[in-house]
């Protein structure tokens, strides 16, 4: 993509639409990638960035599955039921995530299918 953009800059002027169509990307991708390349270099242009306007996911699929599996097990000794803080502690202790808020635990469990029996 960057090589095509450079060749186009040296050659005849045109729109980004034909280049986007040839590369099977959207024009917005071209508009986002070129400035990232200028400012951050190749690594910055190719690195996947967090979406703007919303936060990145704290847990990946494997971590979310581990959280859901923990919630399905009996609670720790001395506790009548799982709390969000109790569910977050093992993931942080095992250094799978740096920090995990109770709201993230709630949202993750809400999206996971559960089997009550």
Protein backbone atom coordinates (compact mmCIF):
# COMPACT_ATOMS: atom_id res chain seq x y z
CA UNK A 1 0.00 0.00 0.00
CA UNK A 2 2.78 2.40 0.93
CA UNK A 3 4.75 1.53 -2.21
CA UNK A 4 1.72 2.16 -4.41
CA UNK A 5 1.10 5.48 -2.66
CA UNK A 6 4.73 6.48 -3.22
CA UNK A 7 4.58 5.49 -6.90
CA UNK A 8 1.37 7.46 -7.32
CA UNK A 9 2.95 10.49 -5.67
CA UNK A 10 5.82 10.38 -8.16
CA UNK A 11 3.58 9.65 -11.15
CA UNK A 12 0.34 11.13 -12.45
CA UNK A 13 -2.06 12.50 -9.88
CA UNK A 14 -5.31 10.70 -9.29
CA UNK A 15 -7.75 9.80 -6.58
CA UNK A 16 -7.30 7.23 -3.86
CA UNK A 17 -10.38 5.28 -4.92
CA UNK A 18 -8.68 3.24 -7.70
CA UNK A 19 -5.74 2.41 -5.44
CA UNK A 20 -8.07 1.40 -2.60
CA UNK A 21 -10.04 -0.80 -4.97
CA UNK A 22 -6.88 -2.44 -6.31
CA UNK A 23 -5.64 -3.17 -2.78
CA UNK A 24 -9.10 -4.24 -1.59
CA UNK A 25 -9.13 -1.74 1.27
CA UNK A 26 -11.23 1.29 2.01
CA UNK A 27 -10.15 4.81 1.17
CA UNK A 28 -10.21 5.61 4.89
CA UNK A 29 -7.52 2.96 5.42
CA UNK A 30 -5.26 4.80 2.99
CA UNK A 31 -5.95 8.12 4.67
CA UNK A 32 -5.09 6.61 8.07
CA UNK A 33 -2.03 4.61 7.00
CA UNK A 34 -0.08 7.29 5.15
CA UNK A 35 0.11 9.80 8.04
CA UNK A 36 0.97 6.97 10.45
CA UNK A 37 3.85 6.00 8.16
CA UNK A 38 5.13 9.59 8.00
CA UNK A 39 4.97 10.11 11.76
CA UNK A 40 5.81 6.64 13.12
CA UNK A 41 7.55 4.82 10.26
CA UNK A 42 6.78 1.38 8.88
CA UNK A 43 6.18 -0.22 12.29
CA UNK A 44 3.68 2.46 13.24
CA UNK A 45 1.85 2.17 9.93
CA UNK A 46 1.57 -1.61 10.12
CA UNK A 47 0.85 -1.98 13.84
CA UNK A 48 -2.75 -2.60 14.78
CA UNK A 49 -4.09 0.28 16.84
CA UNK A 50 -6.88 0.44 19.36
CA UNK A 51 -10.08 1.80 17.88
CA UNK A 52 -10.70 5.43 18.69
CA UNK A 53 -13.92 6.35 20.41
CA UNK A 54 -14.02 3.22 22.55
CA UNK A 55 -11.65 1.31 24.77
CA UNK A 56 -9.69 -1.75 23.70
CA UNK A 57 -10.74 -5.06 25.13
CA UNK A 58 -8.95 -5.87 28.35
CA UNK A 59 -9.36 -9.64 28.00
CA UNK A 60 -8.73 -11.77 24.95
CA UNK A 61 -10.83 -14.85 24.19
CA UNK A 62 -8.73 -17.29 26.25
CA UNK A 63 -8.74 -15.00 29.27
CA UNK A 64 -12.50 -14.48 29.03
CA UNK A 65 -13.01 -18.26 28.83
CA UNK A 66 -10.85 -18.72 31.92
CA UNK A 67 -12.90 -16.10 33.75
CA UNK A 68 -16.17 -17.81 32.78
CA UNK A 69 -14.79 -21.20 33.82
CA UNK A 70 -13.81 -19.79 37.21
CA UNK A 71 -17.31 -18.40 37.67
CA UNK A 72 -18.76 -21.87 37.05
CA UNK A 73 -16.63 -23.48 39.78
CA UNK A 74 -17.51 -23.48 43.47
CA UNK A 75 -16.45 -20.26 45.25
CA UNK A 76 -13.26 -20.19 47.33
CA UNK A 77 -13.30 -21.50 50.88
CA UNK A 78 -14.76 -18.95 53.27
CA UNK A 79 -17.03 -17.35 50.64
CA UNK A 80 -20.65 -18.18 49.96
CA UNK A 81 -20.52 -17.01 46.33
CA UNK A 82 -18.25 -15.46 43.74
CA UNK A 83 -17.87 -11.69 43.71
CA UNK A 84 -16.45 -9.73 40.81
CA UNK A 85 -13.32 -8.93 42.80
CA UNK A 86 -12.79 -12.62 43.63
CA UNK A 87 -13.12 -13.50 39.94
CA UNK A 88 -10.64 -10.81 38.87
CA UNK A 89 -7.95 -11.69 41.43
CA UNK A 90 -6.67 -14.95 39.87
CA UNK A 91 -6.18 -13.39 36.44
CA UNK A 92 -4.20 -10.51 37.94
CA UNK A 93 -2.24 -12.80 40.29
CA UNK A 94 -1.24 -15.11 37.44
CA UNK A 95 -0.12 -11.96 35.54
CA UNK A 96 -2.43 -12.66 32.63
CA UNK A 97 -3.60 -9.05 32.83
CA UNK A 98 -2.07 -6.02 34.52
CA UNK A 99 -5.31 -4.88 36.17
CA UNK A 100 -8.90 -5.97 35.85
CA UNK A 101 -11.85 -3.89 36.98
CA UNK A 102 -15.09 -5.26 38.33
CA UNK A 103 -17.02 -3.68 35.46
CA UNK A 104 -14.86 -5.59 32.96
CA UNK A 105 -15.66 -8.82 34.81
CA UNK A 106 -19.38 -8.01 34.71
CA UNK A 107 -19.35 -7.15 31.00
CA UNK A 108 -17.34 -10.24 30.11
CA UNK A 109 -19.61 -12.60 32.04
CA UNK A 110 -22.68 -10.93 30.58
CA UNK A 111 -21.54 -11.72 27.03
CA UNK A 112 -20.53 -15.32 27.80
CA UNK A 113 -23.17 -18.06 27.44
CA UNK A 114 -23.85 -19.83 30.72
CA UNK A 115 -25.12 -23.28 31.53
CA UNK A 116 -26.96 -23.61 34.81
CA UNK A 117 -27.27 -27.33 34.79
